Amino acid sequence: MAKQKAFYFDASACIGCKACQIACKDKHDLPLGVRWRRVFEYGGGSWVEQNGVKVPSSLFSSYLSTACQHCESPVCRDVCPVQAITKRDDGIVILDSEKCIGCRYCEWACPYGAPQFNEETKAMTKCHFCYDLQAQGLNPACVDACVMRCLDYGELDELRAKYGDLNEIEPLPTNEITHPSLVITPHKHSQKSGAGTGRILNLEEEV
């Protein structure tokens, strides 16, 4: 296959500390509300009646750290009317904010919510895989910040050979939309995308 940079995420080890999310915001000086990497808490359960009282049952919770998936078929690129989004030879999807006209089509099209609108500049922005750090032989900021070593990156085929080929768990969308460049080790409570019984528990965070 053609060269394709990809992220790896180990959901079984993530503790939801958000160090990756904060490192990304710090490295790129992102304003309030713009999060190129986000950590979601996903959970659920049910209620059962015991002695006339309803109590929680089968509770579960896990975390998901996610950013732009640098998809093999990026719909954000396809819908951009000014060709501000391109895919490099190494598979990294780049958004040129200088070309952006702020129409937000990419935001609406992306199933992962990766393109983020910057209210200060009135232009879209997104994770560019810290290509500047990679050019220096360094790791992406989020990878280095992870205290549990849940994040890794590399060539997609090499990551699949090492970790498997799973690339969809709740609350991510199913993979056939854009073919994300992502490999996941699931948590014991992880559920297949499209078949989840839980919900995102921390949607209202604004950092």
N, C-alpha and C. Protein backbone atom coordinates (compact mmCIF):
# COMPACT_ATOMS: atom_id res chain seq x y z
N MET A 1 0.84 -1.19 0.00
CA MET A 1 0.00 0.00 0.00
C MET A 1 0.88 1.25 0.00
N ALA A 2 0.29 2.39 -0.42
CA ALA A 2 1.02 3.65 -0.40
C ALA A 2 1.34 4.04 1.03
N LYS A 3 2.36 4.88 1.18
CA LYS A 3 2.73 5.31 2.53
C LYS A 3 1.55 6.00 3.20
N GLN A 4 1.33 5.66 4.45
CA GLN A 4 0.22 6.26 5.19
C GLN A 4 0.58 6.31 6.67
N LYS A 5 0.84 7.51 7.17
CA LYS A 5 1.07 7.70 8.59
C LYS A 5 -0.23 7.46 9.35
N ALA A 6 -0.13 6.90 10.55
CA ALA A 6 -1.32 6.58 11.31
C ALA A 6 -1.05 6.66 12.81
N PHE A 7 -2.12 6.84 13.57
CA PHE A 7 -2.05 6.80 15.02
C PHE A 7 -2.45 5.41 15.52
N TYR A 8 -1.89 5.05 16.67
CA TYR A 8 -2.32 3.87 17.41
C TYR A 8 -2.81 4.33 18.77
N PHE A 9 -3.91 3.74 19.25
CA PHE A 9 -4.45 4.08 20.57
C PHE A 9 -4.80 2.80 21.33
N ASP A 10 -4.29 2.71 22.57
CA ASP A 10 -4.56 1.56 23.43
C ASP A 10 -5.63 1.95 24.44
N ALA A 11 -6.88 1.65 24.13
CA ALA A 11 -7.99 2.00 25.01
C ALA A 11 -7.93 1.23 26.33
N SER A 12 -7.30 0.07 26.32
CA SER A 12 -7.25 -0.75 27.53
C SER A 12 -6.37 -0.14 28.61
N ALA A 13 -5.50 0.80 28.23
CA ALA A 13 -4.57 1.40 29.19
C ALA A 13 -4.89 2.85 29.52
N CYS A 14 -5.75 3.50 28.74
CA CYS A 14 -6.02 4.93 28.92
C CYS A 14 -6.78 5.18 30.23
N ILE A 15 -6.32 6.18 31.00
CA ILE A 15 -6.95 6.52 32.27
C ILE A 15 -7.71 7.85 32.18
N GLY A 16 -7.77 8.44 31.00
CA GLY A 16 -8.53 9.66 30.82
C GLY A 16 -7.91 10.89 31.44
N CYS A 17 -6.60 10.92 31.58
CA CYS A 17 -5.93 12.06 32.25
C CYS A 17 -5.91 13.31 31.39
N LYS A 18 -6.07 13.16 30.09
CA LYS A 18 -6.10 14.26 29.12
C LYS A 18 -4.76 14.96 28.93
N ALA A 19 -3.68 14.33 29.35
CA ALA A 19 -2.35 14.91 29.13
C ALA A 19 -2.09 15.10 27.64
N CYS A 20 -2.56 14.18 26.81
CA CYS A 20 -2.38 14.28 25.36
C CYS A 20 -3.13 15.49 24.81
N GLN A 21 -4.33 15.69 25.29
CA GLN A 21 -5.16 16.81 24.84
C GLN A 21 -4.53 18.14 25.22
N ILE A 22 -4.04 18.25 26.45
CA ILE A 22 -3.42 19.49 26.91
C ILE A 22 -2.10 19.75 26.19
N ALA A 23 -1.31 18.69 25.95
CA ALA A 23 -0.04 18.85 25.24
C ALA A 23 -0.28 19.38 23.83
N CYS A 24 -1.32 18.91 23.19
CA CYS A 24 -1.66 19.38 21.84
C CYS A 24 -2.05 20.85 21.87
N LYS A 25 -2.91 21.23 22.82
CA LYS A 25 -3.33 22.63 22.92
C LYS A 25 -2.14 23.53 23.21
N ASP A 26 -1.24 23.07 24.07
CA ASP A 26 -0.08 23.88 24.44
C ASP A 26 0.88 24.03 23.26
N LYS A 27 1.15 22.93 22.57
CA LYS A 27 2.10 22.97 21.47
C LYS A 27 1.63 23.90 20.36
N HIS A 28 0.34 23.89 20.09
CA HIS A 28 -0.20 24.67 18.96
C HIS A 28 -0.89 25.96 19.40
N ASP A 29 -0.84 26.26 20.71
CA ASP A 29 -1.41 27.50 21.25
C ASP A 29 -2.86 27.67 20.81
N LEU A 30 -3.67 26.63 21.04
CA LEU A 30 -5.05 26.64 20.59
C LEU A 30 -5.95 27.41 21.56
N PRO A 31 -6.90 28.18 21.04
CA PRO A 31 -7.79 28.96 21.91
C PRO A 31 -8.85 28.09 22.59
N LEU A 32 -9.56 28.67 23.53
CA LEU A 32 -10.62 27.97 24.24
C LEU A 32 -11.64 27.39 23.26
N GLY A 33 -11.98 26.14 23.45
CA GLY A 33 -12.98 25.49 22.61
C GLY A 33 -12.44 24.78 21.39
N VAL A 34 -11.19 25.05 21.02
CA VAL A 34 -10.57 24.37 19.88
C VAL A 34 -9.69 23.24 20.43
N ARG A 35 -10.06 22.03 20.10
CA ARG A 35 -9.33 20.86 20.60
C ARG A 35 -9.03 19.94 19.42
N TRP A 36 -7.79 19.95 18.98
CA TRP A 36 -7.41 19.06 17.88
C TRP A 36 -7.39 17.61 18.34
N ARG A 37 -7.04 17.37 19.58
CA ARG A 37 -7.15 16.03 20.18
C ARG A 37 -8.12 16.13 21.34
N ARG A 38 -9.02 15.15 21.41
CA ARG A 38 -10.03 15.15 22.47
C ARG A 38 -10.07 13.79 23.14
N VAL A 39 -10.35 13.82 24.43
CA VAL A 39 -10.49 12.59 25.20
C VAL A 39 -11.94 12.48 25.65
N PHE A 40 -12.61 11.45 25.17
CA PHE A 40 -14.00 11.22 25.52
C PHE A 40 -14.11 10.11 26.57
N GLU A 41 -15.03 10.32 27.51
CA GLU A 41 -15.40 9.24 28.42
C GLU A 41 -16.69 8.64 27.90
N TYR A 42 -16.67 7.34 27.65
CA TYR A 42 -17.84 6.66 27.10
C TYR A 42 -18.31 5.61 28.10
N GLY A 43 -19.58 5.64 28.44
CA GLY A 43 -20.05 4.67 29.43
C GLY A 43 -21.55 4.48 29.35
N GLY A 44 -22.02 3.57 30.19
CA GLY A 44 -23.45 3.27 30.22
C GLY A 44 -23.76 2.26 31.30
N GLY A 45 -24.90 1.67 31.18
CA GLY A 45 -25.38 0.70 32.16
C GLY A 45 -26.89 0.68 32.18
N SER A 46 -27.44 0.06 33.19
CA SER A 46 -28.89 -0.05 33.28
C SER A 46 -29.31 -0.03 34.75
N TRP A 47 -30.60 -0.10 34.97
CA TRP A 47 -31.15 -0.13 36.32
C TRP A 47 -31.92 -1.43 36.53
N VAL A 48 -31.78 -1.99 37.71
CA VAL A 48 -32.56 -3.18 38.09
C VAL A 48 -33.22 -2.91 39.44
N GLU A 49 -34.31 -3.61 39.68
CA GLU A 49 -35.03 -3.42 40.94
C GLU A 49 -34.65 -4.49 41.94
N GLN A 50 -34.24 -4.04 43.12
CA GLN A 50 -33.89 -4.95 44.21
C GLN A 50 -34.62 -4.52 45.46
N ASN A 51 -35.48 -5.38 45.97
CA ASN A 51 -36.26 -5.09 47.18
C ASN A 51 -37.03 -3.78 47.06
N GLY A 52 -37.59 -3.58 45.87
CA GLY A 52 -38.42 -2.40 45.66
C GLY A 52 -37.66 -1.13 45.36
N VAL A 53 -36.33 -1.23 45.24
CA VAL A 53 -35.50 -0.05 44.98
C VAL A 53 -34.71 -0.27 43.69
N LYS A 54 -34.70 0.73 42.82
CA LYS A 54 -33.92 0.61 41.59
C LYS A 54 -32.47 0.99 41.85
N VAL A 55 -31.56 0.10 41.43
CA VAL A 55 -30.12 0.33 41.62
C VAL A 55 -29.41 0.14 40.28
N PRO A 56 -28.28 0.82 40.12
CA PRO A 56 -27.54 0.67 38.85
C PRO A 56 -26.98 -0.72 38.69
N SER A 57 -26.92 -1.16 37.42
CA SER A 57 -26.43 -2.51 37.12
C SER A 57 -25.64 -2.48 35.82
N SER A 58 -24.66 -3.36 35.73
CA SER A 58 -23.88 -3.51 34.51
C SER A 58 -23.26 -2.19 34.05
N LEU A 59 -22.77 -1.39 34.99
CA LEU A 59 -22.14 -0.13 34.64
C LEU A 59 -20.81 -0.37 33.95
N PHE A 60 -20.49 0.47 32.97
CA PHE A 60 -19.20 0.37 32.30
C PHE A 60 -18.75 1.75 31.88
N SER A 61 -17.44 1.92 31.76
CA SER A 61 -16.89 3.20 31.34
C SER A 61 -15.49 2.98 30.78
N SER A 62 -15.13 3.72 29.76
CA SER A 62 -13.78 3.68 29.21
C SER A 62 -13.51 5.02 28.53
N TYR A 63 -12.26 5.22 28.13
CA TYR A 63 -11.86 6.49 27.53
C TYR A 63 -11.40 6.29 26.09
N LEU A 64 -11.56 7.34 25.31
CA LEU A 64 -11.11 7.33 23.92
C LEU A 64 -10.39 8.63 23.62
N SER A 65 -9.12 8.54 23.25
CA SER A 65 -8.35 9.70 22.80
C SER A 65 -8.36 9.71 21.29
N THR A 66 -8.84 10.80 20.71
CA THR A 66 -8.98 10.82 19.25
C THR A 66 -8.63 12.19 18.68
N ALA A 67 -8.12 12.19 17.47
CA ALA A 67 -7.78 13.42 16.74
C ALA A 67 -8.16 13.20 15.29
N CYS A 68 -7.60 13.99 14.38
CA CYS A 68 -7.78 13.71 12.96
C CYS A 68 -7.23 12.32 12.67
N GLN A 69 -7.96 11.54 11.90
CA GLN A 69 -7.54 10.18 11.59
C GLN A 69 -6.70 10.12 10.31
N HIS A 70 -6.47 11.26 9.66
CA HIS A 70 -5.68 11.30 8.43
C HIS A 70 -6.14 10.17 7.50
N CYS A 71 -7.42 10.21 7.23
CA CYS A 71 -8.12 9.12 6.55
C CYS A 71 -7.56 8.80 5.17
N GLU A 72 -7.73 7.56 4.80
CA GLU A 72 -7.33 7.14 3.45
C GLU A 72 -8.23 7.80 2.40
N SER A 73 -9.48 8.08 2.79
CA SER A 73 -10.42 8.75 1.89
C SER A 73 -11.02 9.95 2.62
N PRO A 74 -10.25 11.04 2.77
CA PRO A 74 -10.71 12.17 3.59
C PRO A 74 -11.83 12.96 2.93
N VAL A 75 -13.03 12.93 3.52
CA VAL A 75 -14.16 13.67 2.96
C VAL A 75 -13.99 15.17 3.17
N CYS A 76 -13.21 15.57 4.18
CA CYS A 76 -12.96 17.00 4.40
C CYS A 76 -12.29 17.61 3.18
N ARG A 77 -11.34 16.89 2.62
CA ARG A 77 -10.65 17.35 1.41
C ARG A 77 -11.61 17.43 0.24
N ASP A 78 -12.46 16.43 0.12
CA ASP A 78 -13.34 16.34 -1.05
C ASP A 78 -14.37 17.46 -1.09
N VAL A 79 -14.80 17.97 0.07
CA VAL A 79 -15.86 18.99 0.08
C VAL A 79 -15.32 20.41 0.10
N CYS A 80 -14.02 20.60 0.32
CA CYS A 80 -13.46 21.95 0.42
C CYS A 80 -13.53 22.65 -0.93
N PRO A 81 -14.24 23.79 -1.03
CA PRO A 81 -14.39 24.46 -2.33
C PRO A 81 -13.16 25.22 -2.80
N VAL A 82 -12.19 25.43 -1.90
CA VAL A 82 -10.99 26.20 -2.29
C VAL A 82 -9.72 25.36 -2.22
N GLN A 83 -9.88 24.06 -2.07
CA GLN A 83 -8.74 23.13 -2.03
C GLN A 83 -7.72 23.52 -0.96
N ALA A 84 -8.26 23.91 0.21
CA ALA A 84 -7.38 24.25 1.33
C ALA A 84 -6.89 23.01 2.07
N ILE A 85 -7.50 21.87 1.76
CA ILE A 85 -7.13 20.62 2.43
C ILE A 85 -6.50 19.68 1.41
N THR A 86 -5.33 19.19 1.72
CA THR A 86 -4.61 18.28 0.83
C THR A 86 -4.08 17.10 1.62
N LYS A 87 -3.74 16.05 0.90
CA LYS A 87 -3.18 14.85 1.51
C LYS A 87 -1.76 14.67 0.99
N ARG A 88 -0.78 14.68 1.88
CA ARG A 88 0.62 14.60 1.49
C ARG A 88 0.98 13.18 1.05
N ASP A 89 2.16 13.04 0.48
CA ASP A 89 2.63 11.74 0.01
C ASP A 89 2.77 10.73 1.15
N ASP A 90 2.96 11.24 2.39
CA ASP A 90 3.08 10.33 3.53
C ASP A 90 1.73 10.06 4.18
N GLY A 91 0.65 10.58 3.58
CA GLY A 91 -0.70 10.30 4.08
C GLY A 91 -1.24 11.31 5.06
N ILE A 92 -0.42 12.25 5.51
CA ILE A 92 -0.89 13.26 6.46
C ILE A 92 -1.80 14.25 5.74
N VAL A 93 -2.96 14.51 6.34
CA VAL A 93 -3.94 15.43 5.77
C VAL A 93 -3.70 16.82 6.36
N ILE A 94 -3.44 17.79 5.49
CA ILE A 94 -3.06 19.14 5.89
C ILE A 94 -4.16 20.13 5.53
N LEU A 95 -4.43 21.06 6.44
CA LEU A 95 -5.38 22.14 6.17
C LEU A 95 -4.62 23.46 6.20
N ASP A 96 -4.67 24.19 5.09
CA ASP A 96 -4.01 25.49 4.97
C ASP A 96 -5.00 26.58 5.39
N SER A 97 -4.86 27.05 6.62
CA SER A 97 -5.80 28.05 7.14
C SER A 97 -5.73 29.37 6.38
N GLU A 98 -4.62 29.64 5.70
CA GLU A 98 -4.50 30.87 4.93
C GLU A 98 -5.41 30.83 3.70
N LYS A 99 -5.65 29.64 3.16
CA LYS A 99 -6.54 29.50 2.01
C LYS A 99 -8.01 29.40 2.42
N CYS A 100 -8.24 28.99 3.65
CA CYS A 100 -9.59 28.72 4.13
C CYS A 100 -10.47 29.97 4.07
N ILE A 101 -11.72 29.80 3.64
CA ILE A 101 -12.67 30.90 3.58
C ILE A 101 -13.71 30.79 4.70
N GLY A 102 -13.55 29.82 5.58
CA GLY A 102 -14.43 29.71 6.74
C GLY A 102 -15.82 29.21 6.44
N CYS A 103 -16.02 28.49 5.35
CA CYS A 103 -17.36 27.99 5.01
C CYS A 103 -17.81 26.85 5.92
N ARG A 104 -16.84 26.18 6.53
CA ARG A 104 -17.07 25.11 7.51
C ARG A 104 -17.64 23.82 6.89
N TYR A 105 -17.57 23.69 5.56
CA TYR A 105 -18.03 22.45 4.93
C TYR A 105 -17.26 21.24 5.47
N CYS A 106 -15.96 21.40 5.67
CA CYS A 106 -15.15 20.28 6.16
C CYS A 106 -15.58 19.85 7.55
N GLU A 107 -15.94 20.82 8.39
CA GLU A 107 -16.42 20.52 9.74
C GLU A 107 -17.69 19.68 9.70
N TRP A 108 -18.59 20.05 8.81
CA TRP A 108 -19.86 19.34 8.71
C TRP A 108 -19.67 17.95 8.10
N ALA A 109 -18.71 17.81 7.20
CA ALA A 109 -18.53 16.54 6.49
C ALA A 109 -17.77 15.51 7.31
N CYS A 110 -16.82 15.95 8.12
CA CYS A 110 -15.96 15.01 8.84
C CYS A 110 -16.72 14.26 9.92
N PRO A 111 -16.76 12.93 9.87
CA PRO A 111 -17.49 12.17 10.88
C PRO A 111 -16.78 12.14 12.24
N TYR A 112 -15.54 12.62 12.29
CA TYR A 112 -14.77 12.61 13.53
C TYR A 112 -14.69 13.99 14.20
N GLY A 113 -15.27 14.99 13.57
CA GLY A 113 -15.21 16.33 14.14
C GLY A 113 -13.81 16.89 14.22
N ALA A 114 -12.94 16.46 13.31
CA ALA A 114 -11.53 16.87 13.37
C ALA A 114 -11.29 18.33 13.01
N PRO A 115 -11.84 18.84 11.91
CA PRO A 115 -11.63 20.26 11.62
C PRO A 115 -12.34 21.12 12.66
N GLN A 116 -11.62 22.09 13.20
CA GLN A 116 -12.14 22.94 14.27
C GLN A 116 -12.10 24.40 13.82
N PHE A 117 -13.21 25.12 14.03
CA PHE A 117 -13.29 26.52 13.63
C PHE A 117 -12.69 27.41 14.70
N ASN A 118 -11.77 28.28 14.30
CA ASN A 118 -11.15 29.23 15.20
C ASN A 118 -11.89 30.56 15.08
N GLU A 119 -12.62 30.93 16.12
CA GLU A 119 -13.42 32.16 16.09
C GLU A 119 -12.56 33.40 15.95
N GLU A 120 -11.32 33.33 16.43
CA GLU A 120 -10.45 34.50 16.38
C GLU A 120 -9.98 34.79 14.94
N THR A 121 -9.65 33.74 14.20
CA THR A 121 -9.14 33.92 12.85
C THR A 121 -10.20 33.71 11.78
N LYS A 122 -11.38 33.19 12.20
CA LYS A 122 -12.48 32.90 11.27
C LYS A 122 -12.06 31.89 10.20
N ALA A 123 -11.24 30.95 10.58
CA ALA A 123 -10.77 29.92 9.65
C ALA A 123 -10.75 28.57 10.36
N MET A 124 -10.76 27.51 9.56
CA MET A 124 -10.71 26.16 10.10
C MET A 124 -9.26 25.79 10.42
N THR A 125 -9.11 24.92 11.40
CA THR A 125 -7.81 24.38 11.78
C THR A 125 -8.00 22.91 12.08
N LYS A 126 -6.90 22.16 12.12
CA LYS A 126 -7.00 20.75 12.48
C LYS A 126 -5.63 20.17 12.81
N CYS A 127 -5.63 19.02 13.42
CA CYS A 127 -4.39 18.27 13.69
C CYS A 127 -3.64 18.04 12.39
N HIS A 128 -2.35 18.36 12.39
CA HIS A 128 -1.53 18.06 11.21
C HIS A 128 -0.43 17.05 11.57
N PHE A 129 -0.69 16.26 12.62
CA PHE A 129 0.18 15.14 13.00
C PHE A 129 1.56 15.62 13.44
N CYS A 130 1.63 16.89 13.89
CA CYS A 130 2.93 17.45 14.30
C CYS A 130 4.01 17.13 13.26
N TYR A 131 3.68 17.38 11.99
CA TYR A 131 4.65 17.06 10.93
C TYR A 131 5.94 17.83 11.09
N ASP A 132 5.87 19.00 11.76
CA ASP A 132 7.09 19.77 12.00
C ASP A 132 8.01 19.05 12.97
N LEU A 133 7.43 18.43 14.00
CA LEU A 133 8.24 17.65 14.94
C LEU A 133 8.77 16.38 14.28
N GLN A 134 7.91 15.73 13.50
CA GLN A 134 8.34 14.51 12.82
C GLN A 134 9.50 14.79 11.87
N ALA A 135 9.50 15.96 11.23
CA ALA A 135 10.58 16.32 10.31
C ALA A 135 11.91 16.45 11.04
N GLN A 136 11.85 16.68 12.36
CA GLN A 136 13.05 16.77 13.18
C GLN A 136 13.41 15.45 13.84
N GLY A 137 12.66 14.39 13.49
CA GLY A 137 12.89 13.09 14.10
C GLY A 137 12.28 12.95 15.47
N LEU A 138 11.32 13.84 15.81
CA LEU A 138 10.67 13.82 17.12
C LEU A 138 9.26 13.25 17.00
N ASN A 139 8.68 12.92 18.14
CA ASN A 139 7.33 12.37 18.19
C ASN A 139 6.29 13.48 18.22
N PRO A 140 5.07 13.21 17.77
CA PRO A 140 3.97 14.15 17.96
C PRO A 140 3.82 14.47 19.45
N ALA A 141 3.39 15.69 19.76
CA ALA A 141 3.31 16.14 21.15
C ALA A 141 2.41 15.24 21.99
N CYS A 142 1.30 14.79 21.42
CA CYS A 142 0.37 13.95 22.18
C CYS A 142 0.98 12.61 22.55
N VAL A 143 1.78 12.06 21.65
CA VAL A 143 2.41 10.75 21.89
C VAL A 143 3.39 10.84 23.06
N ASP A 144 4.22 11.88 23.06
CA ASP A 144 5.20 12.04 24.13
C ASP A 144 4.54 12.35 25.47
N ALA A 145 3.38 13.00 25.45
CA ALA A 145 2.73 13.42 26.69
C ALA A 145 1.99 12.30 27.40
N CYS A 146 1.65 11.24 26.71
CA CYS A 146 0.82 10.19 27.30
C CYS A 146 1.57 9.45 28.41
N VAL A 147 1.10 9.59 29.64
CA VAL A 147 1.79 8.99 30.78
C VAL A 147 1.65 7.47 30.82
N MET A 148 0.61 6.95 30.18
CA MET A 148 0.37 5.51 30.16
C MET A 148 0.88 4.85 28.87
N ARG A 149 1.50 5.66 27.99
CA ARG A 149 2.00 5.16 26.71
C ARG A 149 0.90 4.48 25.90
N CYS A 150 -0.27 5.14 25.88
CA CYS A 150 -1.42 4.62 25.13
C CYS A 150 -1.34 4.96 23.65
N LEU A 151 -0.53 5.97 23.32
CA LEU A 151 -0.47 6.47 21.95
C LEU A 151 0.84 6.08 21.28
N ASP A 152 0.73 5.74 20.02
CA ASP A 152 1.90 5.46 19.20
C ASP A 152 1.56 5.93 17.79
N TYR A 153 2.52 5.92 16.91
CA TYR A 153 2.28 6.33 15.53
C TYR A 153 3.31 5.65 14.64
N GLY A 154 3.06 5.69 13.35
CA GLY A 154 3.99 5.09 12.39
C GLY A 154 3.28 4.81 11.09
N GLU A 155 3.86 3.95 10.28
CA GLU A 155 3.21 3.54 9.04
C GLU A 155 2.03 2.63 9.36
N LEU A 156 0.93 2.85 8.69
CA LEU A 156 -0.30 2.12 8.99
C LEU A 156 -0.12 0.62 8.88
N ASP A 157 0.54 0.15 7.82
CA ASP A 157 0.70 -1.29 7.66
C ASP A 157 1.56 -1.89 8.77
N GLU A 158 2.55 -1.13 9.24
CA GLU A 158 3.40 -1.62 10.33
C GLU A 158 2.64 -1.66 11.65
N LEU A 159 1.80 -0.65 11.90
CA LEU A 159 0.99 -0.64 13.12
C LEU A 159 -0.02 -1.79 13.11
N ARG A 160 -0.59 -2.07 11.94
CA ARG A 160 -1.54 -3.19 11.84
C ARG A 160 -0.85 -4.52 12.09
N ALA A 161 0.37 -4.65 11.58
CA ALA A 161 1.12 -5.89 11.79
C ALA A 161 1.45 -6.08 13.27
N LYS A 162 1.64 -4.98 13.98
CA LYS A 162 2.03 -5.04 15.39
C LYS A 162 0.84 -5.15 16.34
N TYR A 163 -0.24 -4.40 16.02
CA TYR A 163 -1.35 -4.28 16.97
C TYR A 163 -2.68 -4.86 16.48
N GLY A 164 -2.79 -5.22 15.21
CA GLY A 164 -4.07 -5.68 14.67
C GLY A 164 -4.68 -4.62 13.77
N ASP A 165 -5.90 -4.86 13.31
CA ASP A 165 -6.49 -3.94 12.34
C ASP A 165 -7.80 -3.31 12.81
N LEU A 166 -8.10 -3.37 14.10
CA LEU A 166 -9.32 -2.74 14.61
C LEU A 166 -9.18 -1.22 14.51
N ASN A 167 -10.19 -0.56 13.92
CA ASN A 167 -10.13 0.90 13.81
C ASN A 167 -11.48 1.55 14.08
N GLU A 168 -12.36 0.84 14.77
CA GLU A 168 -13.65 1.43 15.10
C GLU A 168 -14.17 0.87 16.42
N ILE A 169 -14.34 1.76 17.40
CA ILE A 169 -15.04 1.44 18.64
C ILE A 169 -15.91 2.64 18.98
N GLU A 170 -16.95 2.40 19.75
CA GLU A 170 -17.78 3.52 20.19
C GLU A 170 -16.94 4.47 21.06
N PRO A 171 -17.16 5.79 20.92
CA PRO A 171 -18.20 6.45 20.13
C PRO A 171 -17.75 6.90 18.74
N LEU A 172 -16.72 6.29 18.17
CA LEU A 172 -16.31 6.61 16.81
C LEU A 172 -17.34 6.09 15.80
N PRO A 173 -17.44 6.72 14.63
CA PRO A 173 -18.33 6.20 13.59
C PRO A 173 -17.75 4.93 12.97
N THR A 174 -18.55 4.25 12.20
CA THR A 174 -18.06 3.06 11.51
C THR A 174 -17.02 3.46 10.47
N ASN A 175 -16.13 2.52 10.17
CA ASN A 175 -14.93 2.87 9.39
C ASN A 175 -15.15 3.01 7.90
N GLU A 176 -16.28 2.58 7.36
CA GLU A 176 -16.42 2.58 5.90
C GLU A 176 -16.63 3.99 5.32
N ILE A 177 -16.87 4.98 6.17
CA ILE A 177 -17.13 6.32 5.66
C ILE A 177 -15.87 6.93 5.05
N THR A 178 -14.75 6.85 5.78
CA THR A 178 -13.52 7.52 5.32
C THR A 178 -12.28 6.63 5.39
N HIS A 179 -12.40 5.41 5.92
CA HIS A 179 -11.27 4.51 6.09
C HIS A 179 -10.15 5.18 6.90
N PRO A 180 -10.40 5.36 8.21
CA PRO A 180 -9.45 6.07 9.07
C PRO A 180 -8.11 5.36 9.19
N SER A 181 -7.05 6.16 9.26
CA SER A 181 -5.70 5.62 9.45
C SER A 181 -5.46 5.52 10.96
N LEU A 182 -6.01 4.49 11.54
CA LEU A 182 -6.05 4.33 12.98
C LEU A 182 -6.04 2.85 13.33
N VAL A 183 -5.33 2.52 14.40
CA VAL A 183 -5.34 1.16 14.93
C VAL A 183 -5.62 1.25 16.42
N ILE A 184 -6.52 0.41 16.91
CA ILE A 184 -6.96 0.47 18.30
C ILE A 184 -6.82 -0.88 18.99
N THR A 185 -6.31 -0.86 20.21
CA THR A 185 -6.45 -2.00 21.12
C THR A 185 -7.64 -1.67 22.01
N PRO A 186 -8.70 -2.47 21.98
CA PRO A 186 -9.92 -2.10 22.71
C PRO A 186 -9.80 -2.29 24.22
N HIS A 187 -10.60 -1.55 24.96
CA HIS A 187 -10.81 -1.76 26.39
C HIS A 187 -11.72 -2.97 26.54
N LYS A 188 -11.70 -3.59 27.71
CA LYS A 188 -12.57 -4.76 27.91
C LYS A 188 -14.04 -4.41 27.79
N HIS A 189 -14.38 -3.13 27.98
CA HIS A 189 -15.77 -2.70 27.86
C HIS A 189 -16.06 -2.02 26.52
N SER A 190 -15.07 -1.96 25.63
CA SER A 190 -15.29 -1.30 24.34
C SER A 190 -16.38 -2.02 23.55
N GLN A 191 -17.15 -1.23 22.81
CA GLN A 191 -18.21 -1.77 21.97
C GLN A 191 -17.97 -1.37 20.53
N LYS A 192 -18.39 -2.20 19.63
CA LYS A 192 -18.20 -1.95 18.20
C LYS A 192 -18.98 -0.71 17.77
N SER A 193 -18.37 0.09 16.92
CA SER A 193 -19.05 1.28 16.41
C SER A 193 -20.36 0.91 15.73
N GLY A 194 -21.39 1.65 16.06
CA GLY A 194 -22.71 1.38 15.50
C GLY A 194 -23.54 0.41 16.31
N ALA A 195 -22.93 -0.20 17.34
CA ALA A 195 -23.65 -1.18 18.15
C ALA A 195 -23.54 -0.85 19.64
N GLY A 196 -23.24 0.41 19.93
CA GLY A 196 -23.03 0.81 21.32
C GLY A 196 -24.31 0.95 22.12
N THR A 197 -24.19 0.75 23.41
CA THR A 197 -25.34 0.93 24.31
C THR A 197 -25.10 2.06 25.31
N GLY A 198 -23.95 2.73 25.17
CA GLY A 198 -23.61 3.79 26.09
C GLY A 198 -23.72 5.16 25.44
N ARG A 199 -23.07 6.15 26.07
CA ARG A 199 -23.08 7.51 25.55
C ARG A 199 -21.82 8.23 26.01
N ILE A 200 -21.50 9.35 25.36
CA ILE A 200 -20.38 10.17 25.79
C ILE A 200 -20.79 10.92 27.05
N LEU A 201 -19.96 10.83 28.08
CA LEU A 201 -20.33 11.37 29.39
C LEU A 201 -19.74 12.76 29.66
N ASN A 202 -18.85 13.23 28.79
CA ASN A 202 -18.19 14.52 29.07
C ASN A 202 -18.26 15.48 27.87
N LEU A 203 -19.39 15.51 27.20
CA LEU A 203 -19.54 16.33 26.00
C LEU A 203 -19.42 17.82 26.26
N GLU A 204 -19.76 18.28 27.46
CA GLU A 204 -19.84 19.71 27.70
C GLU A 204 -18.52 20.34 28.11
N GLU A 205 -17.44 19.58 28.11
CA GLU A 205 -16.14 20.15 28.48
C GLU A 205 -15.72 21.20 27.46
N GLU A 206 -15.18 22.30 27.92
CA GLU A 206 -14.68 23.36 27.04
C GLU A 206 -13.28 23.74 27.50
N VAL A 207 -12.28 23.14 26.91
CA VAL A 207 -10.90 23.44 27.29
C VAL A 207 -10.07 23.69 26.04
